[in-house]
Amino acid sequence: MDKQRTTLGVLTLLPLAAACGAQTAGNGSTRTEPAPLTGVHWTVDSLTLGGTTTRAPSGAYLRIGDDGRVSGNLGCNGFGSKATFTGDRVAFGGLRTTDMACEKGPMSFERSLGRALADKGPFTAKAAGGRLTLTAGAGDRINLTEEKDAPLRGTKWKVTALGDTDVSQPLPKGTDAYLVLREDGTLDGRLGCNHVSGRATVSDGHITLSRARTTRMMCQDSLMRTEKTLLGLFDSKIAYRLDHRGIALTSTNGTVVSAVADE
């Protein structure tokens, strides 16, 4: 089904935006140290309600930005919320979600996680060793794991969509297009049909690309159209924006190339 656009809510944080973790002091005693929650992509691992634990579907996550905004996914739909921190406790409320239908399993998990976030709190937050546990008073809990952001350089960025700031279209099925920025200042990849290489200089949120060097194969029309668009990134200065394991490249003419980190 088509995805209806829904404005996500803003997460308002009070000054304490940290959970508590255990750390051993020099004299062998245990003391509490703050572990940051903001700026981390927390992948939802599982949800325990009434003693029953359910594994989360792929893609469920929670992220609190340093600017106080939240983004997340309940298993199918994206969501936003407001949260109040009091010590090591956090309460969520007023969830807003997009409106997209998925398979039965993810939708069932989404309903449970959404109700838990809105109704089960406040949660006690404990973060340590790259893991976060949100535990409600009745023992219900959400288990999450920190997932590192993909680095700009050395990652194989697989192109998934082309468009502009308002609308994007996925690549034709079977299209193999990707770019890799190397530590030595070079770039290589594939444009859908031909392989490409060049120089790449990164500075202040921009990438300056040299003129492209490509192989000279001919492919079907849809691949050649994709290739022509991607070639428009070269011999120019383009803006880039990283978002966890995704990247958006914006050319001088407003074309936006979306890509994801390819494992």
C-alpha atoms as a PDB file:
ATOM      1  CA  MET A   1       0.000   0.000   0.000  1.00  0.00           C
ATOM      2  CA  ASP A   2       1.023   3.595  -0.544  1.00  0.00           C
ATOM      3  CA  LYS A   3       2.708   5.222   2.357  1.00  0.00           C
ATOM      4  CA  GLN A   4       0.847   8.256   3.623  1.00  0.00           C
ATOM      5  CA  ARG A   5       3.000  11.132   4.733  1.00  0.00           C
ATOM      6  CA  THR A   6       2.711  11.877   8.432  1.00  0.00           C
ATOM      7  CA  THR A   7       4.693  14.517  10.261  1.00  0.00           C
ATOM      8  CA  LEU A   8       6.747  12.938  12.999  1.00  0.00           C
ATOM      9  CA  GLY A   9       6.603  14.397  16.463  1.00  0.00           C
ATOM     10  CA  VAL A  10       9.506  16.038  18.212  1.00  0.00           C
ATOM     11  CA  LEU A  11      11.107  14.394  21.208  1.00  0.00           C
ATOM     12  CA  THR A  12      11.554  16.931  23.973  1.00  0.00           C
ATOM     13  CA  LEU A  13      14.293  16.047  26.422  1.00  0.00           C
ATOM     14  CA  LEU A  14      14.899  17.382  29.862  1.00  0.00           C
ATOM     15  CA  PRO A  15      18.559  18.119  30.731  1.00  0.00           C
ATOM     16  CA  LEU A  16      19.339  14.570  31.859  1.00  0.00           C
ATOM     17  CA  ALA A  17      19.517  12.486  28.666  1.00  0.00           C
ATOM     18  CA  ALA A  18      21.499   9.544  29.992  1.00  0.00           C
ATOM     19  CA  ALA A  19      20.907   6.156  31.473  1.00  0.00           C
ATOM     20  CA  CYS A  20      22.863   4.580  34.261  1.00  0.00           C
ATOM     21  CA  GLY A  21      25.488   1.908  33.801  1.00  0.00           C
ATOM     22  CA  ALA A  22      27.669   0.080  36.287  1.00  0.00           C
ATOM     23  CA  GLN A  23      31.386   0.715  36.486  1.00  0.00           C
ATOM     24  CA  THR A  24      33.908  -0.629  38.969  1.00  0.00           C
ATOM     25  CA  ALA A  25      35.855   2.001  40.898  1.00  0.00           C
ATOM     26  CA  GLY A  26      39.505   1.672  41.787  1.00  0.00           C
ATOM     27  CA  ASN A  27      38.784   0.343  45.287  1.00  0.00           C
ATOM     28  CA  GLY A  28      36.648  -2.495  43.893  1.00  0.00           C
ATOM     29  CA  SER A  29      33.294  -0.895  44.750  1.00  0.00           C
ATOM     30  CA  THR A  30      30.639  -0.357  42.108  1.00  0.00           C
ATOM     31  CA  ARG A  31      29.464   3.114  41.267  1.00  0.00           C
ATOM     32  CA  THR A  32      27.039   4.506  38.719  1.00  0.00           C
ATOM     33  CA  GLU A  33      28.293   6.277  35.601  1.00  0.00           C
ATOM     34  CA  PRO A  34      26.134   7.996  32.977  1.00  0.00           C
ATOM     35  CA  ALA A  35      25.884   6.282  29.598  1.00  0.00           C
ATOM     36  CA  PRO A  36      24.631   8.531  26.768  1.00  0.00           C
ATOM     37  CA  LEU A  37      21.413   7.648  24.972  1.00  0.00           C
ATOM     38  CA  THR A  38      21.422  10.445  22.396  1.00  0.00           C
ATOM     39  CA  GLY A  39      23.115  10.229  19.028  1.00  0.00           C
ATOM     40  CA  VAL A  40      22.906   6.417  19.049  1.00  0.00           C
ATOM     41  CA  HIS A  41      20.987   4.156  16.686  1.00  0.00           C
ATOM     42  CA  TRP A  42      19.336   1.668  19.053  1.00  0.00           C
ATOM     43  CA  THR A  43      18.163  -1.435  17.191  1.00  0.00           C
ATOM     44  CA  VAL A  44      15.207  -3.097  18.931  1.00  0.00           C
ATOM     45  CA  ASP A  45      16.099  -6.729  19.668  1.00  0.00           C
ATOM     46  CA  SER A  46      13.053  -7.965  21.557  1.00  0.00           C
ATOM     47  CA  LEU A  47      10.002  -7.022  23.564  1.00  0.00           C
ATOM     48  CA  THR A  48       8.928  -8.833  26.755  1.00  0.00           C
ATOM     49  CA  LEU A  49       5.303  -8.428  27.854  1.00  0.00           C
ATOM     50  CA  GLY A  50       3.683 -10.496  30.600  1.00  0.00           C
ATOM     51  CA  GLY A  51       6.660 -12.841  30.694  1.00  0.00           C
ATOM     52  CA  THR A  52       6.526 -13.603  26.945  1.00  0.00           C
ATOM     53  CA  THR A  53       9.442 -12.427  24.792  1.00  0.00           C
ATOM     54  CA  THR A  54       9.000 -11.644  21.089  1.00  0.00           C
ATOM     55  CA  ARG A  55      11.893 -11.032  18.728  1.00  0.00           C
ATOM     56  CA  ALA A  56      11.716  -7.747  16.838  1.00  0.00           C
ATOM     57  CA  PRO A  57      11.456  -7.690  13.041  1.00  0.00           C
ATOM     58  CA  SER A  58      14.364  -6.300  11.076  1.00  0.00           C
ATOM     59  CA  GLY A  59      14.304  -2.504  10.904  1.00  0.00           C
ATOM     60  CA  ALA A  60      12.786  -1.710  14.312  1.00  0.00           C
ATOM     61  CA  TYR A  61      14.862   0.986  16.014  1.00  0.00           C
ATOM     62  CA  LEU A  62      14.916   4.111  18.152  1.00  0.00           C
ATOM     63  CA  ARG A  63      17.247   7.078  17.759  1.00  0.00           C
ATOM     64  CA  ILE A  64      17.363  10.264  19.854  1.00  0.00           C
ATOM     65  CA  GLY A  65      19.301  13.073  18.203  1.00  0.00           C
ATOM     66  CA  ASP A  66      21.585  15.440  20.053  1.00  0.00           C
ATOM     67  CA  ASP A  67      19.177  18.226  19.104  1.00  0.00           C
ATOM     68  CA  GLY A  68      16.383  16.509  21.038  1.00  0.00           C
ATOM     69  CA  ARG A  69      14.542  14.958  18.104  1.00  0.00           C
ATOM     70  CA  VAL A  70      13.558  11.298  17.895  1.00  0.00           C
ATOM     71  CA  SER A  71      13.196   9.014  14.910  1.00  0.00           C
ATOM     72  CA  GLY A  72      12.291   5.376  14.977  1.00  0.00           C
ATOM     73  CA  ASN A  73      10.505   2.427  13.454  1.00  0.00           C
ATOM     74  CA  LEU A  74       8.067   0.168  15.288  1.00  0.00           C
ATOM     75  CA  GLY A  75       8.590  -2.801  12.975  1.00  0.00           C
ATOM     76  CA  CYS A  76       6.715  -1.520   9.940  1.00  0.00           C
ATOM     77  CA  ASN A  77       5.978   2.191  10.299  1.00  0.00           C
ATOM     78  CA  GLY A  78       8.141   5.110  11.323  1.00  0.00           C
ATOM     79  CA  PHE A  79       7.182   6.976  14.469  1.00  0.00           C
ATOM     80  CA  GLY A  80       7.873  10.037  16.581  1.00  0.00           C
ATOM     81  CA  SER A  81       7.088  10.777  20.196  1.00  0.00           C
ATOM     82  CA  LYS A  82       7.743  12.954  23.205  1.00  0.00           C
ATOM     83  CA  ALA A  83       9.714  11.758  26.206  1.00  0.00           C
ATOM     84  CA  THR A  84      10.339  12.987  29.707  1.00  0.00           C
ATOM     85  CA  PHE A  85      13.513  11.966  31.575  1.00  0.00           C
ATOM     86  CA  THR A  86      13.589  11.907  35.362  1.00  0.00           C
ATOM     87  CA  GLY A  87      16.841  10.504  36.675  1.00  0.00           C
ATOM     88  CA  ASP A  88      17.259   7.132  34.993  1.00  0.00           C
ATOM     89  CA  ARG A  89      13.567   6.882  34.112  1.00  0.00           C
ATOM     90  CA  VAL A  90      11.941   7.830  30.820  1.00  0.00           C
ATOM     91  CA  ALA A  91       8.281   8.073  29.854  1.00  0.00           C
ATOM     92  CA  PHE A  92       7.027   8.177  26.263  1.00  0.00           C
ATOM     93  CA  GLY A  93       3.697   9.456  25.065  1.00  0.00           C
ATOM     94  CA  GLY A  94       1.771  10.779  22.107  1.00  0.00           C
ATOM     95  CA  LEU A  95       3.220   8.490  19.441  1.00  0.00           C
ATOM     96  CA  ARG A  96       2.669   9.553  15.848  1.00  0.00           C
ATOM     97  CA  THR A  97       3.238   7.048  13.076  1.00  0.00           C
ATOM     98  CA  THR A  98       3.190   6.760   9.332  1.00  0.00           C
ATOM     99  CA  ASP A  99       0.415   4.636   7.838  1.00  0.00           C
ATOM    100  CA  MET A 100       1.755   1.693   5.864  1.00  0.00           C
ATOM    101  CA  ALA A 101       0.590  -1.917   5.888  1.00  0.00           C
ATOM    102  CA  CYS A 102       3.110  -4.754   6.216  1.00  0.00           C
ATOM    103  CA  GLU A 103       3.017  -8.496   6.749  1.00  0.00           C
ATOM    104  CA  LYS A 104       1.153  -9.913   9.747  1.00  0.00           C
ATOM    105  CA  GLY A 105       4.253 -10.549  11.903  1.00  0.00           C
ATOM    106  CA  PRO A 106       5.766  -7.046  11.760  1.00  0.00           C
ATOM    107  CA  MET A 107       2.350  -5.421  12.187  1.00  0.00           C
ATOM    108  CA  SER A 108       1.615  -7.493  15.289  1.00  0.00           C
ATOM    109  CA  PHE A 109       4.973  -6.575  16.826  1.00  0.00           C
ATOM    110  CA  GLU A 110       4.420  -2.932  15.910  1.00  0.00           C
ATOM    111  CA  ARG A 111       1.116  -2.780  17.755  1.00  0.00           C
ATOM    112  CA  SER A 112       2.656  -4.348  20.851  1.00  0.00           C
ATOM    113  CA  LEU A 113       5.717  -2.082  20.845  1.00  0.00           C
ATOM    114  CA  GLY A 114       3.627   1.018  20.225  1.00  0.00           C
ATOM    115  CA  ARG A 115       1.306   0.214  23.145  1.00  0.00           C
ATOM    116  CA  ALA A 116       4.278  -0.572  25.373  1.00  0.00           C
ATOM    117  CA  LEU A 117       6.004   2.744  24.659  1.00  0.00           C
ATOM    118  CA  ALA A 118       2.814   4.742  25.160  1.00  0.00           C
ATOM    119  CA  ASP A 119       1.246   2.881  28.096  1.00  0.00           C
ATOM    120  CA  LYS A 120       3.838   0.823  30.000  1.00  0.00           C
ATOM    121  CA  GLY A 121       6.154   3.605  31.134  1.00  0.00           C
ATOM    122  CA  PRO A 122       7.839   5.191  32.809  1.00  0.00           C
ATOM    123  CA  PHE A 123      10.753   2.883  32.033  1.00  0.00           C
ATOM    124  CA  THR A 124      13.995   2.492  33.926  1.00  0.00           C
ATOM    125  CA  ALA A 125      16.783   2.937  31.366  1.00  0.00           C
ATOM    126  CA  LYS A 126      20.018   1.011  31.745  1.00  0.00           C
ATOM    127  CA  ALA A 127      22.736   1.320  29.097  1.00  0.00           C
ATOM    128  CA  ALA A 128      26.043  -0.530  29.226  1.00  0.00           C
ATOM    129  CA  GLY A 129      28.348  -2.307  26.792  1.00  0.00           C
ATOM    130  CA  GLY A 130      26.446  -1.179  23.710  1.00  0.00           C
ATOM    131  CA  ARG A 131      23.119  -2.454  25.028  1.00  0.00           C
ATOM    132  CA  LEU A 132      20.076  -0.624  26.360  1.00  0.00           C
ATOM    133  CA  THR A 133      17.261  -2.065  28.459  1.00  0.00           C
ATOM    134  CA  LEU A 134      14.027  -0.158  29.111  1.00  0.00           C
ATOM    135  CA  THR A 135      12.185  -1.843  31.992  1.00  0.00           C
ATOM    136  CA  ALA A 136       8.663  -0.977  33.153  1.00  0.00           C
ATOM    137  CA  GLY A 137       7.447  -1.353  36.718  1.00  0.00           C
ATOM    138  CA  ALA A 138       5.669  -4.668  36.028  1.00  0.00           C
ATOM    139  CA  GLY A 139       8.853  -6.174  34.574  1.00  0.00           C
ATOM    140  CA  ASP A 140       7.924  -5.644  30.947  1.00  0.00           C
ATOM    141  CA  ARG A 141      10.986  -4.573  29.002  1.00  0.00           C
ATOM    142  CA  ILE A 142      12.416  -3.533  25.655  1.00  0.00           C
ATOM    143  CA  ASN A 143      15.910  -4.761  24.767  1.00  0.00           C
ATOM    144  CA  LEU A 144      17.977  -2.738  22.312  1.00  0.00           C
ATOM    145  CA  THR A 145      21.511  -2.867  20.882  1.00  0.00           C
ATOM    146  CA  GLU A 146      23.675  -0.041  19.603  1.00  0.00           C
ATOM    147  CA  GLU A 147      24.317  -0.252  15.867  1.00  0.00           C
ATOM    148  CA  LYS A 148      27.267   1.772  14.590  1.00  0.00           C
ATOM    149  CA  ASP A 149      26.874   4.263  11.755  1.00  0.00           C
ATOM    150  CA  ALA A 150      28.471   3.310   8.450  1.00  0.00           C
ATOM    151  CA  PRO A 151      31.633   5.354   7.711  1.00  0.00           C
ATOM    152  CA  LEU A 152      31.684   7.579   4.651  1.00  0.00           C
ATOM    153  CA  ARG A 153      34.940   6.110   3.363  1.00  0.00           C
ATOM    154  CA  GLY A 154      35.439   2.432   2.697  1.00  0.00           C
ATOM    155  CA  THR A 155      31.700   1.641   2.612  1.00  0.00           C
ATOM    156  CA  LYS A 156      30.116   0.221  -0.511  1.00  0.00           C
ATOM    157  CA  TRP A 157      27.206   2.626  -1.026  1.00  0.00           C
ATOM    158  CA  LYS A 158      24.578   0.788  -3.038  1.00  0.00           C
ATOM    159  CA  VAL A 159      22.386   3.234  -4.974  1.00  0.00           C
ATOM    160  CA  THR A 160      18.696   2.606  -4.280  1.00  0.00           C
ATOM    161  CA  ALA A 161      16.813   5.627  -5.638  1.00  0.00           C
ATOM    162  CA  LEU A 162      17.092   8.757  -7.780  1.00  0.00           C
ATOM    163  CA  GLY A 163      14.993  11.914  -7.590  1.00  0.00           C
ATOM    164  CA  ASP A 164      14.970  15.346  -5.981  1.00  0.00           C
ATOM    165  CA  THR A 165      14.239  16.777  -2.543  1.00  0.00           C
ATOM    166  CA  ASP A 166      10.503  16.051  -2.935  1.00  0.00           C
ATOM    167  CA  VAL A 167      10.154  12.797  -4.865  1.00  0.00           C
ATOM    168  CA  SER A 168      12.402   9.806  -5.526  1.00  0.00           C
ATOM    169  CA  GLN A 169      12.019   6.682  -7.611  1.00  0.00           C
ATOM    170  CA  PRO A 170      13.673   3.307  -6.935  1.00  0.00           C
ATOM    171  CA  LEU A 171      16.175   2.028  -9.459  1.00  0.00           C
ATOM    172  CA  PRO A 172      14.938  -0.440 -12.087  1.00  0.00           C
ATOM    173  CA  LYS A 173      14.875  -3.995 -10.789  1.00  0.00           C
ATOM    174  CA  GLY A 174      18.209  -5.740 -11.127  1.00  0.00           C
ATOM    175  CA  THR A 175      20.235  -2.521 -11.421  1.00  0.00           C
ATOM    176  CA  ASP A 176      23.718  -2.828  -9.925  1.00  0.00           C
ATOM    177  CA  ALA A 177      24.908   0.677  -9.068  1.00  0.00           C
ATOM    178  CA  TYR A 178      27.258   1.576  -6.231  1.00  0.00           C
ATOM    179  CA  LEU A 179      30.085   3.925  -5.211  1.00  0.00           C
ATOM    180  CA  VAL A 180      33.036   3.466  -2.856  1.00  0.00           C
ATOM    181  CA  LEU A 181      35.124   6.367  -1.533  1.00  0.00           C
ATOM    182  CA  ARG A 182      38.608   5.170  -0.659  1.00  0.00           C
ATOM    183  CA  GLU A 183      40.928   6.447   2.059  1.00  0.00           C
ATOM    184  CA  ASP A 184      43.511   7.472  -0.582  1.00  0.00           C
ATOM    185  CA  GLY A 185      41.132  10.012  -2.139  1.00  0.00           C
ATOM    186  CA  THR A 186      39.970   7.862  -5.033  1.00  0.00           C
ATOM    187  CA  LEU A 187      36.491   6.661  -5.927  1.00  0.00           C
ATOM    188  CA  ASP A 188      35.344   3.590  -7.804  1.00  0.00           C
ATOM    189  CA  GLY A 189      32.068   1.853  -8.449  1.00  0.00           C
ATOM    190  CA  ARG A 190      29.466   0.955 -11.014  1.00  0.00           C
ATOM    191  CA  LEU A 191      26.849   3.195 -12.602  1.00  0.00           C
ATOM    192  CA  GLY A 192      24.330   0.527 -13.549  1.00  0.00           C
ATOM    193  CA  CYS A 193      26.084  -0.507 -16.725  1.00  0.00           C
ATOM    194  CA  ASN A 194      29.689   0.681 -16.751  1.00  0.00           C
ATOM    195  CA  HIS A 195      32.349   0.744 -14.076  1.00  0.00           C
ATOM    196  CA  VAL A 196      33.585   4.170 -12.985  1.00  0.00           C
ATOM    197  CA  SER A 197      36.600   5.643 -11.196  1.00  0.00           C
ATOM    198  CA  GLY A 198      37.906   9.098 -10.317  1.00  0.00           C
ATOM    199  CA  ARG A 199      39.182  11.338  -7.562  1.00  0.00           C
ATOM    200  CA  ALA A 200      37.120  12.460  -4.553  1.00  0.00           C
ATOM    201  CA  THR A 201      37.912  15.238  -2.068  1.00  0.00           C
ATOM    202  CA  VAL A 202      35.739  15.490   1.057  1.00  0.00           C
ATOM    203  CA  SER A 203      35.338  18.793   2.925  1.00  0.00           C
ATOM    204  CA  ASP A 204      32.620  20.555   4.962  1.00  0.00           C
ATOM    205  CA  GLY A 205      29.717  18.316   4.008  1.00  0.00           C
ATOM    206  CA  HIS A 206      30.643  18.235   0.334  1.00  0.00           C
ATOM    207  CA  ILE A 207      32.453  15.879  -2.017  1.00  0.00           C
ATOM    208  CA  THR A 208      34.316  17.282  -4.995  1.00  0.00           C
ATOM    209  CA  LEU A 209      34.438  14.658  -7.734  1.00  0.00           C
ATOM    210  CA  SER A 210      36.811  14.697 -10.687  1.00  0.00           C
ATOM    211  CA  ARG A 211      35.788  13.904 -14.231  1.00  0.00           C
ATOM    212  CA  ALA A 212      34.632  10.282 -14.453  1.00  0.00           C
ATOM    213  CA  ARG A 213      36.645   7.548 -16.111  1.00  0.00           C
ATOM    214  CA  THR A 214      34.378   4.723 -17.280  1.00  0.00           C
ATOM    215  CA  THR A 215      34.332   1.544 -19.285  1.00  0.00           C
ATOM    216  CA  ARG A 216      32.405   1.734 -22.568  1.00  0.00           C
ATOM    217  CA  MET A 217      29.756  -0.956 -22.567  1.00  0.00           C
ATOM    218  CA  MET A 218      26.214  -0.459 -23.865  1.00  0.00           C
ATOM    219  CA  CYS A 219      23.265  -1.796 -21.849  1.00  0.00           C
ATOM    220  CA  GLN A 220      19.480  -1.650 -21.974  1.00  0.00           C
ATOM    221  CA  ASP A 221      17.855   1.788 -22.001  1.00  0.00           C
ATOM    222  CA  SER A 222      16.772   1.816 -18.332  1.00  0.00           C
ATOM    223  CA  LEU A 223      20.336   1.136 -17.154  1.00  0.00           C
ATOM    224  CA  MET A 224      21.773   3.759 -19.478  1.00  0.00           C
ATOM    225  CA  ARG A 225      19.320   6.360 -18.141  1.00  0.00           C
ATOM    226  CA  THR A 226      20.382   5.535 -14.590  1.00  0.00           C
ATOM    227  CA  GLU A 227      24.021   5.786 -15.638  1.00  0.00           C
ATOM    228  CA  LYS A 228      23.501   9.172 -17.276  1.00  0.00           C
ATOM    229  CA  THR A 229      21.985  10.546 -14.045  1.00  0.00           C
ATOM    230  CA  LEU A 230      24.835   9.210 -11.908  1.00  0.00           C
ATOM    231  CA  LEU A 231      27.424  10.625 -14.301  1.00  0.00           C
ATOM    232  CA  GLY A 232      25.906  14.030 -13.539  1.00  0.00           C
ATOM    233  CA  LEU A 233      27.496  13.837 -10.080  1.00  0.00           C
ATOM    234  CA  PHE A 234      31.006  13.932 -11.520  1.00  0.00           C
ATOM    235  CA  ASP A 235      33.210  16.891 -12.414  1.00  0.00           C
ATOM    236  CA  SER A 236      31.385  18.927  -9.752  1.00  0.00           C
ATOM    237  CA  LYS A 237      30.967  19.584  -6.040  1.00  0.00           C
ATOM    238  CA  ILE A 238      28.076  17.682  -4.461  1.00  0.00           C
ATOM    239  CA  ALA A 239      26.546  17.857  -0.996  1.00  0.00           C
ATOM    240  CA  TYR A 240      26.258  14.707   1.099  1.00  0.00           C
ATOM    241  CA  ARG A 241      24.247  13.797   4.194  1.00  0.00           C
ATOM    242  CA  LEU A 242      24.886  10.658   6.237  1.00  0.00           C
ATOM    243  CA  ASP A 243      22.075   9.045   8.221  1.00  0.00           C
ATOM    244  CA  HIS A 244      23.195   5.919  10.071  1.00  0.00           C
ATOM    245  CA  ARG A 245      23.587   3.433   7.196  1.00  0.00           C
ATOM    246  CA  GLY A 246      22.230   5.645   4.454  1.00  0.00           C
ATOM    247  CA  ILE A 247      23.605   8.534   2.424  1.00  0.00           C
ATOM    248  CA  ALA A 248      22.019  11.196   0.217  1.00  0.00           C
ATOM    249  CA  LEU A 249      24.104  12.880  -2.491  1.00  0.00           C
ATOM    250  CA  THR A 250      22.719  16.131  -3.926  1.00  0.00           C
ATOM    251  CA  SER A 251      24.121  17.474  -7.186  1.00  0.00           C
ATOM    252  CA  THR A 252      24.310  21.144  -8.188  1.00  0.00           C
ATOM    253  CA  ASN A 253      21.153  20.760 -10.313  1.00  0.00           C
ATOM    254  CA  GLY A 254      19.145  19.365  -7.377  1.00  0.00           C
ATOM    255  CA  THR A 255      19.268  15.685  -8.265  1.00  0.00           C
ATOM    256  CA  VAL A 256      19.282  13.507  -5.128  1.00  0.00           C
ATOM    257  CA  VAL A 257      20.935  10.087  -5.196  1.00  0.00           C
ATOM    258  CA  SER A 258      19.990   7.828  -2.274  1.00  0.00           C
ATOM    259  CA  ALA A 259      22.180   4.891  -1.277  1.00  0.00           C
ATOM    260  CA  VAL A 260      22.566   2.437   1.594  1.00  0.00           C
ATOM    261  CA  ALA A 261      25.547   0.638   3.065  1.00  0.00           C
ATOM    262  CA  ASP A 262      25.872  -2.735   1.372  1.00  0.00           C
ATOM    263  CA  GLU A 263      27.032  -5.494   3.710  1.00  0.00           C
END
